[in-house]
Amino acid sequence: MKKKNGFDKRNRRKAKLLTNRYILGYAFFLILMVATTAFMISRSMQTLSAFTMTIVVLCLIVCALGMWTFYYKSKRSTELWLPNTVRRYINTRAKETNSRIEAFSLGMLSSFVEMPFSIMLYIVAGNTILFLNGRTQIFAVLLYAFISILPMLLTKKIIKNGRNIAEVQRWRLKNKTFLKLMGGVAFLALAIFVFVFYCIGK
């Protein structure tokens, strides 16, 4: 019994380390993309023009509609819109991997495949931090990454406190409509913010 408990304890520790690496990889890609976007904007035009930001607003509205219509594949699951091969690969490797490096890479890949929805967020975040100075820019990028991975951290905390993955999945299925609604509303709210402060303001 003691040996079995020790084995379970090692498994839990290993799963925790792999999960941490996955989240770290996800956050690293976010930081890299926001920083790169900000650098490209600053090198090309310092900050984006009102006309360009108007296009960004339209794209955010499209993202909101996409969130409501096809972000999840079906009504009976929380599988994302991703192509089956990509989704299967990420799910399979996430379950089977024993490598921290691969877990980190899978986190980056998961962040990468969400680009159709997140690219506009990177542009808005990258353009916004250009109005800040020095160390404040670094803090803003890290804050953006933290907010983005917060749902993962909360899920990890819930599981650690005694809930299992099946219970979390059932909650997600039960509240999927609400989650889709809030995701779309968040995109629309950001679109309004950008339009008021960057388009009308300029």
Foldseek 3Di string as FASTA:
>chain_A
DVVVVVVVVVVVVLLVLLLVLLLVLLLVLLLVLLQVLLVVCCVPPLADALVVLLVLLVLLLVLLVCLQPAQAPDLQFRHGNDPPVLSVVLVVCSVPDSDSVVSSVSSNVVNVRCCSNCVSVSNVLSRVLSVPDDPVSVVSSSVVSCVVCVVVVVVVVVVVVPDPPVVVRVVCSVCVNVVSNVVSVVSNVVSVVSCVCRNVVD
